[in-house]
């Protein structure tokens, strides 16, 4: 029998926290709740959840500071985090990427069903890889032109060299997804 996955839901808005806690409980997750980043950090350190679903703006400690603190602690440093944002600001998306968040959802544009799919996807066989781009190989220049970026694959925000973040599917279907990102500032090709 497979053990139940444990998820920590961190949000200071009680109705929102309860909605997601109930969503995960109905999907057979063991749910831990925290009202802000400070309580989330304490519970994550004690409980070592399989995943964390957190808001950003909260009293005492925000979601970003909580993630930074989790990364400094070896037992919690690799817990996958999905950030939920009310506002969906691009600078928040970039910061989430730089901090290593697995996903960034905008609450009003992401259904609870989609959130559940994203959380469940954290536990599938697939893995994430980061690959450098050889700007002189094969169709690299054509790709840059089609994406509307400079042909040296430099970030439009900070001038760092862009990379591909590649997600592999399960071994059976061998599917992959790729995203062009800046490893420094979190910029992503749209």
N, C-alpha and C. Protein backbone atom coordinates (compact mmCIF):
# COMPACT_ATOMS: atom_id res chain seq x y z
N UNK A 1 0.83 -1.19 0.00
CA UNK A 1 0.00 0.00 0.00
C UNK A 1 0.87 1.25 0.00
N UNK A 2 0.54 2.19 -0.87
CA UNK A 2 1.32 3.42 -0.99
C UNK A 2 0.96 4.36 0.16
N UNK A 3 1.97 5.01 0.72
CA UNK A 3 1.69 5.92 1.83
C UNK A 3 1.04 7.20 1.32
N UNK A 4 0.26 7.82 2.16
CA UNK A 4 -0.41 9.08 1.79
C UNK A 4 0.62 10.20 1.73
N UNK A 5 0.53 11.00 0.68
CA UNK A 5 1.41 12.16 0.56
C UNK A 5 0.98 13.24 1.55
N UNK A 6 1.97 13.96 2.07
CA UNK A 6 1.72 15.00 3.05
C UNK A 6 1.97 16.36 2.40
N UNK A 7 0.99 17.27 2.50
CA UNK A 7 1.15 18.61 1.92
C UNK A 7 0.89 19.66 3.00
N UNK A 8 1.72 20.69 2.99
CA UNK A 8 1.58 21.82 3.89
C UNK A 8 0.93 22.96 3.11
N UNK A 9 -0.21 23.46 3.61
CA UNK A 9 -0.92 24.57 2.98
C UNK A 9 -0.71 25.80 3.86
N UNK A 10 -0.08 26.84 3.29
CA UNK A 10 0.26 28.04 4.05
C UNK A 10 -0.45 29.25 3.44
N UNK A 11 -1.36 29.84 4.21
CA UNK A 11 -2.06 31.04 3.74
C UNK A 11 -2.74 31.69 4.94
N UNK A 12 -2.67 33.02 5.02
CA UNK A 12 -3.28 33.72 6.14
C UNK A 12 -4.78 33.94 5.95
N UNK A 13 -5.28 33.77 4.74
CA UNK A 13 -6.71 33.91 4.47
C UNK A 13 -7.39 32.57 4.76
N UNK A 14 -8.15 32.52 5.86
CA UNK A 14 -8.71 31.23 6.30
C UNK A 14 -9.61 30.56 5.27
N UNK A 15 -10.55 31.29 4.63
CA UNK A 15 -11.40 30.62 3.63
C UNK A 15 -10.58 30.01 2.48
N UNK A 16 -9.55 30.72 2.04
CA UNK A 16 -8.70 30.20 0.96
C UNK A 16 -7.94 28.96 1.45
N UNK A 17 -7.34 29.06 2.63
CA UNK A 17 -6.58 27.93 3.18
C UNK A 17 -7.48 26.72 3.35
N UNK A 18 -8.68 26.93 3.88
CA UNK A 18 -9.61 25.83 4.09
C UNK A 18 -10.05 25.19 2.77
N UNK A 19 -10.28 26.04 1.75
CA UNK A 19 -10.70 25.51 0.45
C UNK A 19 -9.64 24.56 -0.09
N UNK A 20 -8.36 24.99 -0.06
CA UNK A 20 -7.29 24.13 -0.58
C UNK A 20 -7.03 22.93 0.33
N UNK A 21 -7.13 23.13 1.64
CA UNK A 21 -6.94 22.00 2.56
C UNK A 21 -8.00 20.93 2.28
N UNK A 22 -9.24 21.34 2.11
CA UNK A 22 -10.32 20.39 1.80
C UNK A 22 -10.10 19.72 0.45
N UNK A 23 -9.66 20.50 -0.53
CA UNK A 23 -9.38 19.95 -1.86
C UNK A 23 -8.35 18.82 -1.77
N UNK A 24 -7.26 19.07 -1.04
CA UNK A 24 -6.19 18.07 -0.91
C UNK A 24 -6.63 16.88 -0.06
N UNK A 25 -7.42 17.13 0.98
CA UNK A 25 -7.93 16.03 1.81
C UNK A 25 -8.81 15.10 0.98
N UNK A 26 -9.68 15.68 0.15
CA UNK A 26 -10.56 14.87 -0.70
C UNK A 26 -9.76 14.04 -1.70
N UNK A 27 -8.55 14.51 -2.04
CA UNK A 27 -7.68 13.77 -2.96
C UNK A 27 -6.75 12.82 -2.20
N UNK A 28 -7.05 12.58 -0.91
CA UNK A 28 -6.33 11.64 -0.06
C UNK A 28 -4.93 12.09 0.34
N UNK A 29 -4.71 13.40 0.42
CA UNK A 29 -3.46 13.92 0.98
C UNK A 29 -3.63 14.07 2.48
N UNK A 30 -2.54 13.89 3.19
CA UNK A 30 -2.50 14.26 4.60
C UNK A 30 -2.18 15.75 4.60
N UNK A 31 -3.01 16.59 5.22
CA UNK A 31 -2.87 18.04 5.12
C UNK A 31 -2.44 18.64 6.45
N UNK A 32 -1.45 19.52 6.37
CA UNK A 32 -0.99 20.32 7.50
C UNK A 32 -1.28 21.76 7.10
N UNK A 33 -1.75 22.57 8.03
CA UNK A 33 -2.07 23.96 7.72
C UNK A 33 -1.22 24.91 8.55
N UNK A 34 -0.91 26.07 7.95
CA UNK A 34 -0.19 27.12 8.66
C UNK A 34 -0.76 28.47 8.22
N UNK A 35 -0.81 29.42 9.16
CA UNK A 35 -1.44 30.71 8.88
C UNK A 35 -0.48 31.76 8.31
N UNK A 36 0.82 31.50 8.36
CA UNK A 36 1.79 32.43 7.78
C UNK A 36 3.11 31.69 7.57
N UNK A 37 4.07 32.40 6.98
CA UNK A 37 5.35 31.77 6.65
C UNK A 37 6.13 31.30 7.86
N UNK A 38 6.03 32.02 8.97
CA UNK A 38 6.76 31.62 10.17
C UNK A 38 6.23 30.29 10.72
N UNK A 39 4.90 30.19 10.81
CA UNK A 39 4.32 28.92 11.25
C UNK A 39 4.57 27.83 10.21
N UNK A 40 4.53 28.20 8.91
CA UNK A 40 4.81 27.24 7.84
C UNK A 40 6.22 26.69 7.94
N UNK A 41 7.18 27.57 8.20
CA UNK A 41 8.58 27.15 8.34
C UNK A 41 8.74 26.19 9.51
N UNK A 42 8.11 26.52 10.63
CA UNK A 42 8.19 25.67 11.82
C UNK A 42 7.58 24.29 11.55
N UNK A 43 6.39 24.27 10.93
CA UNK A 43 5.72 23.00 10.66
C UNK A 43 6.44 22.19 9.59
N UNK A 44 6.99 22.88 8.58
CA UNK A 44 7.74 22.16 7.53
C UNK A 44 8.99 21.52 8.13
N UNK A 45 9.65 22.22 9.03
CA UNK A 45 10.86 21.68 9.66
C UNK A 45 10.55 20.49 10.55
N UNK A 46 9.41 20.52 11.19
CA UNK A 46 9.02 19.44 12.10
C UNK A 46 8.39 18.25 11.36
N UNK A 47 7.53 18.53 10.38
CA UNK A 47 6.74 17.49 9.71
C UNK A 47 7.37 16.96 8.41
N UNK A 48 8.26 17.72 7.79
CA UNK A 48 8.89 17.40 6.50
C UNK A 48 7.82 16.90 5.49
N UNK A 49 6.98 17.84 5.02
CA UNK A 49 5.94 17.44 4.06
C UNK A 49 6.54 17.05 2.71
N UNK A 50 5.73 16.38 1.89
CA UNK A 50 6.16 16.01 0.54
C UNK A 50 6.07 17.18 -0.42
N UNK A 51 5.22 18.18 -0.08
CA UNK A 51 5.05 19.37 -0.92
C UNK A 51 4.50 20.50 -0.06
N UNK A 52 4.69 21.73 -0.56
CA UNK A 52 4.16 22.91 0.12
C UNK A 52 3.40 23.73 -0.91
N UNK A 53 2.21 24.18 -0.52
CA UNK A 53 1.39 25.08 -1.34
C UNK A 53 1.22 26.34 -0.52
N UNK A 54 1.78 27.47 -0.99
CA UNK A 54 1.81 28.67 -0.17
C UNK A 54 1.40 29.92 -0.92
N UNK A 55 0.82 30.84 -0.15
CA UNK A 55 0.58 32.19 -0.64
C UNK A 55 1.86 33.00 -0.51
N UNK A 56 1.79 34.26 -0.92
CA UNK A 56 2.97 35.11 -0.85
C UNK A 56 2.86 36.10 0.31
N UNK A 57 1.87 36.98 0.25
CA UNK A 57 1.77 38.07 1.22
C UNK A 57 1.04 37.57 2.46
N UNK A 58 1.79 37.54 3.59
CA UNK A 58 1.25 37.08 4.87
C UNK A 58 1.94 37.84 5.99
N UNK A 59 1.29 37.93 7.16
CA UNK A 59 1.94 38.60 8.28
C UNK A 59 3.12 37.78 8.82
N UNK A 60 3.94 38.41 9.59
CA UNK A 60 5.12 37.84 10.25
C UNK A 60 6.19 37.36 9.28
N UNK A 61 5.86 36.51 8.31
CA UNK A 61 6.84 36.06 7.31
C UNK A 61 6.08 35.74 6.03
N UNK A 62 6.54 36.34 4.92
CA UNK A 62 5.86 36.06 3.66
C UNK A 62 6.32 34.73 3.06
N UNK A 63 5.65 34.31 2.01
CA UNK A 63 5.95 33.03 1.38
C UNK A 63 7.36 32.95 0.82
N UNK A 64 7.86 34.05 0.24
CA UNK A 64 9.20 34.05 -0.33
C UNK A 64 10.26 33.86 0.76
N UNK A 65 10.12 34.58 1.86
CA UNK A 65 11.08 34.45 2.96
C UNK A 65 11.04 33.04 3.54
N UNK A 66 9.84 32.46 3.61
CA UNK A 66 9.72 31.09 4.10
C UNK A 66 10.51 30.14 3.19
N UNK A 67 10.35 30.29 1.87
CA UNK A 67 11.06 29.42 0.92
C UNK A 67 12.57 29.59 1.07
N UNK A 68 13.03 30.84 1.18
CA UNK A 68 14.47 31.10 1.36
C UNK A 68 14.98 30.39 2.61
N UNK A 69 14.21 30.44 3.68
CA UNK A 69 14.61 29.79 4.93
C UNK A 69 14.60 28.27 4.80
N UNK A 70 13.61 27.72 4.09
CA UNK A 70 13.55 26.27 3.87
C UNK A 70 14.77 25.79 3.10
N UNK A 71 15.22 26.58 2.12
CA UNK A 71 16.37 26.19 1.28
C UNK A 71 17.67 26.13 2.09
N UNK A 72 17.73 26.87 3.21
CA UNK A 72 18.94 26.89 4.05
C UNK A 72 19.04 25.71 5.00
N UNK A 73 17.97 24.92 5.09
CA UNK A 73 17.90 23.82 6.03
C UNK A 73 17.91 22.51 5.24
N UNK A 74 18.91 21.68 5.41
CA UNK A 74 19.07 20.46 4.59
C UNK A 74 17.81 19.59 4.56
N UNK A 75 17.16 19.28 5.68
CA UNK A 75 15.98 18.41 5.59
C UNK A 75 14.82 18.99 4.78
N UNK A 76 14.74 20.33 4.69
CA UNK A 76 13.62 20.95 3.97
C UNK A 76 14.03 21.57 2.63
N UNK A 77 15.29 21.50 2.29
CA UNK A 77 15.80 22.23 1.12
C UNK A 77 15.24 21.73 -0.22
N UNK A 78 14.82 20.49 -0.29
CA UNK A 78 14.33 19.95 -1.56
C UNK A 78 12.83 19.70 -1.61
N UNK A 79 12.10 20.24 -0.64
CA UNK A 79 10.64 20.08 -0.66
C UNK A 79 10.10 20.93 -1.81
N UNK A 80 9.34 20.33 -2.74
CA UNK A 80 8.80 21.11 -3.84
C UNK A 80 7.73 22.09 -3.35
N UNK A 81 7.79 23.31 -3.88
CA UNK A 81 6.86 24.37 -3.46
C UNK A 81 6.10 24.89 -4.68
N UNK A 82 4.79 25.05 -4.50
CA UNK A 82 3.96 25.74 -5.49
C UNK A 82 3.48 27.01 -4.83
N UNK A 83 3.68 28.13 -5.53
CA UNK A 83 3.27 29.42 -5.00
C UNK A 83 1.95 29.84 -5.63
N UNK A 84 1.06 30.32 -4.77
CA UNK A 84 -0.24 30.81 -5.20
C UNK A 84 -0.27 32.33 -4.99
N UNK A 85 -0.55 33.06 -6.06
CA UNK A 85 -0.55 34.51 -6.00
C UNK A 85 -1.93 35.08 -6.29
N UNK A 86 -2.32 36.08 -5.53
CA UNK A 86 -3.57 36.79 -5.82
C UNK A 86 -3.39 37.72 -7.01
N UNK A 87 -2.21 38.33 -7.10
CA UNK A 87 -2.00 39.40 -8.09
C UNK A 87 -1.35 38.93 -9.38
N UNK A 88 -0.51 37.92 -9.32
CA UNK A 88 0.14 37.43 -10.53
C UNK A 88 1.15 38.39 -11.13
N UNK A 89 1.82 39.17 -10.29
CA UNK A 89 2.81 40.13 -10.79
C UNK A 89 4.01 39.40 -11.39
N UNK A 90 4.51 39.92 -12.50
CA UNK A 90 5.64 39.29 -13.19
C UNK A 90 6.88 39.23 -12.30
N UNK A 91 7.12 40.26 -11.49
CA UNK A 91 8.30 40.24 -10.61
C UNK A 91 8.16 39.13 -9.55
N UNK A 92 6.93 38.83 -9.12
CA UNK A 92 6.72 37.73 -8.19
C UNK A 92 6.98 36.39 -8.89
N UNK A 93 6.53 36.27 -10.13
CA UNK A 93 6.77 35.04 -10.90
C UNK A 93 8.28 34.81 -11.06
N UNK A 94 9.00 35.87 -11.37
CA UNK A 94 10.45 35.75 -11.55
C UNK A 94 11.14 35.37 -10.25
N UNK A 95 10.72 35.99 -9.15
CA UNK A 95 11.33 35.67 -7.86
C UNK A 95 11.04 34.21 -7.48
N UNK A 96 9.82 33.75 -7.74
CA UNK A 96 9.46 32.36 -7.46
C UNK A 96 10.36 31.41 -8.25
N UNK A 97 10.63 31.74 -9.50
CA UNK A 97 11.48 30.90 -10.34
C UNK A 97 12.92 30.88 -9.80
N UNK A 98 13.43 32.05 -9.44
CA UNK A 98 14.79 32.14 -8.90
C UNK A 98 14.91 31.33 -7.61
N UNK A 99 13.86 31.33 -6.79
CA UNK A 99 13.87 30.58 -5.53
C UNK A 99 13.67 29.08 -5.74
N UNK A 100 13.36 28.69 -6.98
CA UNK A 100 13.22 27.26 -7.27
C UNK A 100 11.82 26.70 -7.07
N UNK A 101 10.82 27.58 -7.02
CA UNK A 101 9.44 27.09 -6.90
C UNK A 101 9.12 26.23 -8.12
N UNK A 102 8.38 25.16 -7.90
CA UNK A 102 8.03 24.24 -8.98
C UNK A 102 6.94 24.80 -9.87
N UNK A 103 6.11 25.69 -9.33
CA UNK A 103 5.06 26.30 -10.13
C UNK A 103 4.61 27.59 -9.47
N UNK A 104 4.01 28.46 -10.26
CA UNK A 104 3.49 29.75 -9.81
C UNK A 104 2.09 29.87 -10.40
N UNK A 105 1.09 29.82 -9.55
CA UNK A 105 -0.27 29.91 -10.07
C UNK A 105 -0.89 31.24 -9.68
N UNK A 106 -1.77 31.74 -10.54
CA UNK A 106 -2.53 32.95 -10.23
C UNK A 106 -3.91 32.47 -9.83
N UNK A 107 -4.26 32.76 -8.60
CA UNK A 107 -5.45 32.18 -7.98
C UNK A 107 -6.72 32.35 -8.81
N UNK A 108 -6.99 33.55 -9.30
CA UNK A 108 -8.24 33.79 -10.04
C UNK A 108 -8.26 33.15 -11.42
N UNK A 109 -7.12 32.71 -11.92
CA UNK A 109 -7.04 32.14 -13.26
C UNK A 109 -6.76 30.64 -13.25
N UNK A 110 -6.61 30.05 -12.08
CA UNK A 110 -6.29 28.63 -11.97
C UNK A 110 -7.36 27.95 -11.12
N UNK A 111 -8.10 27.05 -11.72
CA UNK A 111 -9.16 26.37 -10.99
C UNK A 111 -8.58 25.45 -9.92
N UNK A 112 -9.33 25.18 -8.87
CA UNK A 112 -8.86 24.23 -7.86
C UNK A 112 -8.50 22.87 -8.48
N UNK A 113 -9.26 22.44 -9.47
CA UNK A 113 -8.96 21.16 -10.14
C UNK A 113 -7.57 21.21 -10.78
N UNK A 114 -7.24 22.33 -11.43
CA UNK A 114 -5.93 22.49 -12.07
C UNK A 114 -4.81 22.53 -11.01
N UNK A 115 -5.09 23.19 -9.88
CA UNK A 115 -4.12 23.23 -8.78
C UNK A 115 -3.83 21.80 -8.31
N UNK A 116 -4.88 21.01 -8.15
CA UNK A 116 -4.70 19.63 -7.72
C UNK A 116 -3.87 18.85 -8.74
N UNK A 117 -4.12 19.06 -10.02
CA UNK A 117 -3.33 18.39 -11.06
C UNK A 117 -1.86 18.78 -10.96
N UNK A 118 -1.59 20.07 -10.72
CA UNK A 118 -0.21 20.54 -10.61
C UNK A 118 0.49 19.93 -9.40
N UNK A 119 -0.23 19.82 -8.29
CA UNK A 119 0.36 19.21 -7.09
C UNK A 119 0.63 17.73 -7.33
N UNK A 120 -0.33 17.03 -7.90
CA UNK A 120 -0.14 15.60 -8.19
C UNK A 120 1.02 15.39 -9.17
N UNK A 121 1.21 16.32 -10.10
CA UNK A 121 2.29 16.20 -11.08
C UNK A 121 3.67 16.25 -10.42
N UNK A 122 3.75 16.81 -9.22
CA UNK A 122 5.02 16.84 -8.50
C UNK A 122 5.51 15.43 -8.16
N UNK A 123 4.59 14.47 -8.14
CA UNK A 123 4.93 13.13 -7.68
C UNK A 123 4.97 12.09 -8.79
N UNK A 124 4.87 12.53 -10.03
CA UNK A 124 4.97 11.57 -11.12
C UNK A 124 6.44 11.26 -11.38
N UNK A 125 6.66 10.28 -12.20
CA UNK A 125 8.01 9.80 -12.51
C UNK A 125 8.94 10.85 -13.10
N UNK A 126 8.37 11.79 -13.83
CA UNK A 126 9.17 12.74 -14.59
C UNK A 126 10.17 13.51 -13.75
N UNK A 127 11.13 14.06 -14.41
CA UNK A 127 12.17 14.83 -13.75
C UNK A 127 12.37 16.14 -14.50
N UNK A 128 13.12 17.05 -13.87
CA UNK A 128 13.43 18.34 -14.48
C UNK A 128 14.92 18.40 -14.75
N UNK A 129 15.26 18.91 -15.92
CA UNK A 129 16.66 19.06 -16.31
C UNK A 129 16.88 20.49 -16.80
N UNK A 130 18.07 20.99 -16.63
CA UNK A 130 18.44 22.32 -17.15
C UNK A 130 19.56 22.12 -18.15
N UNK A 131 19.34 22.62 -19.37
CA UNK A 131 20.29 22.40 -20.46
C UNK A 131 20.77 23.72 -21.05
N UNK A 132 22.07 23.79 -21.32
CA UNK A 132 22.64 24.95 -22.00
C UNK A 132 22.29 24.90 -23.48
N UNK A 133 22.35 26.06 -24.12
CA UNK A 133 22.03 26.16 -25.54
C UNK A 133 23.32 26.46 -26.31
N UNK A 134 23.59 25.66 -27.33
CA UNK A 134 24.70 25.93 -28.24
C UNK A 134 24.13 26.80 -29.35
N UNK A 135 24.44 28.11 -29.30
CA UNK A 135 23.83 29.06 -30.23
C UNK A 135 24.25 28.84 -31.68
N UNK A 136 25.29 28.03 -31.90
CA UNK A 136 25.74 27.80 -33.28
C UNK A 136 25.26 26.46 -33.84
N UNK A 137 24.54 25.70 -33.05
CA UNK A 137 24.16 24.37 -33.53
C UNK A 137 22.81 24.37 -34.23
N UNK A 138 22.68 23.53 -35.18
CA UNK A 138 21.47 23.20 -35.91
C UNK A 138 20.52 24.38 -36.09
N UNK A 139 19.34 24.33 -35.47
CA UNK A 139 18.32 25.36 -35.69
C UNK A 139 18.28 26.42 -34.59
N UNK A 140 19.34 26.59 -33.84
CA UNK A 140 19.34 27.54 -32.73
C UNK A 140 18.99 28.96 -33.20
N UNK A 141 19.59 29.41 -34.28
CA UNK A 141 19.34 30.77 -34.75
C UNK A 141 17.89 30.93 -35.24
N UNK A 142 17.38 29.91 -35.89
CA UNK A 142 15.99 29.94 -36.36
C UNK A 142 15.04 30.00 -35.14
N UNK A 143 15.35 29.22 -34.10
CA UNK A 143 14.55 29.22 -32.90
C UNK A 143 14.54 30.61 -32.25
N UNK A 144 15.71 31.22 -32.14
CA UNK A 144 15.80 32.57 -31.56
C UNK A 144 14.92 33.54 -32.35
N UNK A 145 14.99 33.46 -33.66
CA UNK A 145 14.20 34.34 -34.52
C UNK A 145 12.70 34.08 -34.31
N UNK A 146 12.30 32.81 -34.29
CA UNK A 146 10.88 32.47 -34.12
C UNK A 146 10.35 32.90 -32.74
N UNK A 147 11.20 32.86 -31.72
CA UNK A 147 10.78 33.27 -30.38
C UNK A 147 10.88 34.77 -30.15
N UNK A 148 11.52 35.48 -31.10
CA UNK A 148 11.66 36.93 -30.97
C UNK A 148 12.67 37.34 -29.92
N UNK A 149 13.72 36.53 -29.75
CA UNK A 149 14.78 36.87 -28.80
C UNK A 149 16.07 37.07 -29.57
N UNK A 150 17.09 37.65 -28.89
CA UNK A 150 18.36 37.88 -29.59
C UNK A 150 19.05 36.55 -29.90
N UNK A 151 19.81 36.54 -30.97
CA UNK A 151 20.40 35.28 -31.45
C UNK A 151 21.54 34.75 -30.59
N UNK A 152 21.94 35.51 -29.57
CA UNK A 152 22.95 35.01 -28.65
C UNK A 152 22.31 34.36 -27.42
N UNK A 153 20.96 34.31 -27.41
CA UNK A 153 20.21 33.71 -26.32
C UNK A 153 20.55 34.34 -24.97
N UNK A 154 20.68 35.67 -24.96
CA UNK A 154 20.93 36.41 -23.73
C UNK A 154 19.58 36.88 -23.19
N UNK A 155 19.42 36.88 -21.88
CA UNK A 155 18.20 37.32 -21.23
C UNK A 155 17.92 38.78 -21.54
N UNK A 156 16.68 39.10 -21.83
CA UNK A 156 16.29 40.46 -22.14
C UNK A 156 16.25 41.35 -20.91
N UNK A 157 16.25 40.75 -19.72
CA UNK A 157 16.18 41.51 -18.48
C UNK A 157 17.56 41.75 -17.86
N UNK A 158 18.39 40.69 -17.79
CA UNK A 158 19.65 40.82 -17.04
C UNK A 158 20.89 40.43 -17.85
N UNK A 159 20.69 40.04 -19.10
CA UNK A 159 21.79 39.71 -20.02
C UNK A 159 22.51 38.39 -19.71
N UNK A 160 21.95 37.59 -18.79
CA UNK A 160 22.51 36.27 -18.50
C UNK A 160 22.16 35.33 -19.66
N UNK A 161 22.96 34.30 -19.88
CA UNK A 161 22.68 33.33 -20.94
C UNK A 161 21.46 32.47 -20.57
N UNK A 162 20.51 32.37 -21.48
CA UNK A 162 19.30 31.60 -21.26
C UNK A 162 19.59 30.10 -21.32
N UNK A 163 18.74 29.32 -20.67
CA UNK A 163 18.85 27.86 -20.69
C UNK A 163 17.48 27.27 -21.00
N UNK A 164 17.46 25.99 -21.33
CA UNK A 164 16.20 25.27 -21.45
C UNK A 164 15.97 24.50 -20.16
N UNK A 165 14.77 24.66 -19.59
CA UNK A 165 14.34 23.82 -18.48
C UNK A 165 13.45 22.77 -19.14
N UNK A 166 13.86 21.50 -19.04
CA UNK A 166 13.17 20.41 -19.72
C UNK A 166 12.55 19.50 -18.67
N UNK A 167 11.27 19.17 -18.87
CA UNK A 167 10.55 18.28 -17.97
C UNK A 167 10.28 16.99 -18.72
N UNK A 168 10.74 15.89 -18.15
CA UNK A 168 10.48 14.60 -18.80
C UNK A 168 9.21 14.00 -18.22
N UNK A 169 8.48 13.30 -19.06
CA UNK A 169 7.27 12.60 -18.62
C UNK A 169 7.64 11.25 -18.06
N UNK A 170 6.69 10.36 -18.00
CA UNK A 170 7.01 9.03 -17.51
C UNK A 170 7.78 8.25 -18.57
N UNK A 171 8.43 7.20 -18.16
CA UNK A 171 9.29 6.44 -19.06
C UNK A 171 8.51 5.78 -20.19
N UNK A 172 7.25 5.48 -19.93
CA UNK A 172 6.44 4.78 -20.91
C UNK A 172 6.16 5.65 -22.15
N UNK A 173 5.75 6.91 -21.95
CA UNK A 173 5.42 7.73 -23.13
C UNK A 173 6.58 8.60 -23.62
N UNK A 174 7.63 8.70 -22.84
CA UNK A 174 8.85 9.45 -23.20
C UNK A 174 8.58 10.89 -23.65
N UNK A 175 7.47 11.46 -23.21
CA UNK A 175 7.14 12.85 -23.56
C UNK A 175 8.00 13.83 -22.79
N UNK A 176 8.19 15.02 -23.40
CA UNK A 176 8.98 16.06 -22.74
C UNK A 176 8.36 17.42 -23.03
N UNK A 177 8.60 18.35 -22.11
CA UNK A 177 8.20 19.73 -22.27
C UNK A 177 9.42 20.56 -22.01
N UNK A 178 9.56 21.68 -22.73
CA UNK A 178 10.72 22.54 -22.51
C UNK A 178 10.27 23.98 -22.35
N UNK A 179 11.03 24.72 -21.56
CA UNK A 179 10.73 26.13 -21.33
C UNK A 179 12.06 26.88 -21.36
N UNK A 180 12.11 27.97 -22.10
CA UNK A 180 13.31 28.80 -22.18
C UNK A 180 13.27 29.80 -21.03
N UNK A 181 14.28 29.74 -20.14
CA UNK A 181 14.28 30.60 -18.95
C UNK A 181 15.66 31.20 -18.71
N UNK A 182 15.68 32.23 -17.87
CA UNK A 182 16.94 32.79 -17.38
C UNK A 182 17.18 32.21 -15.99
N UNK A 183 18.31 31.55 -15.78
CA UNK A 183 18.56 30.96 -14.46
C UNK A 183 18.88 32.00 -13.40
N UNK A 184 19.15 33.24 -13.82
CA UNK A 184 19.52 34.28 -12.89
C UNK A 184 18.31 35.07 -12.38
N UNK A 185 17.53 35.66 -13.29
CA UNK A 185 16.42 36.52 -12.86
C UNK A 185 15.06 35.85 -12.99
N UNK A 186 14.98 34.69 -13.64
CA UNK A 186 13.72 33.98 -13.76
C UNK A 186 12.90 34.34 -14.99
N UNK A 187 13.38 35.22 -15.85
CA UNK A 187 12.64 35.58 -17.07
C UNK A 187 12.32 34.32 -17.87
N UNK A 188 11.13 34.30 -18.48
CA UNK A 188 10.72 33.14 -19.28
C UNK A 188 10.23 33.61 -20.63
N UNK A 189 10.57 32.87 -21.66
CA UNK A 189 10.05 33.17 -22.99
C UNK A 189 8.56 32.86 -22.99
N UNK A 190 7.79 33.73 -23.56
CA UNK A 190 6.32 33.52 -23.63
C UNK A 190 5.93 32.99 -24.98
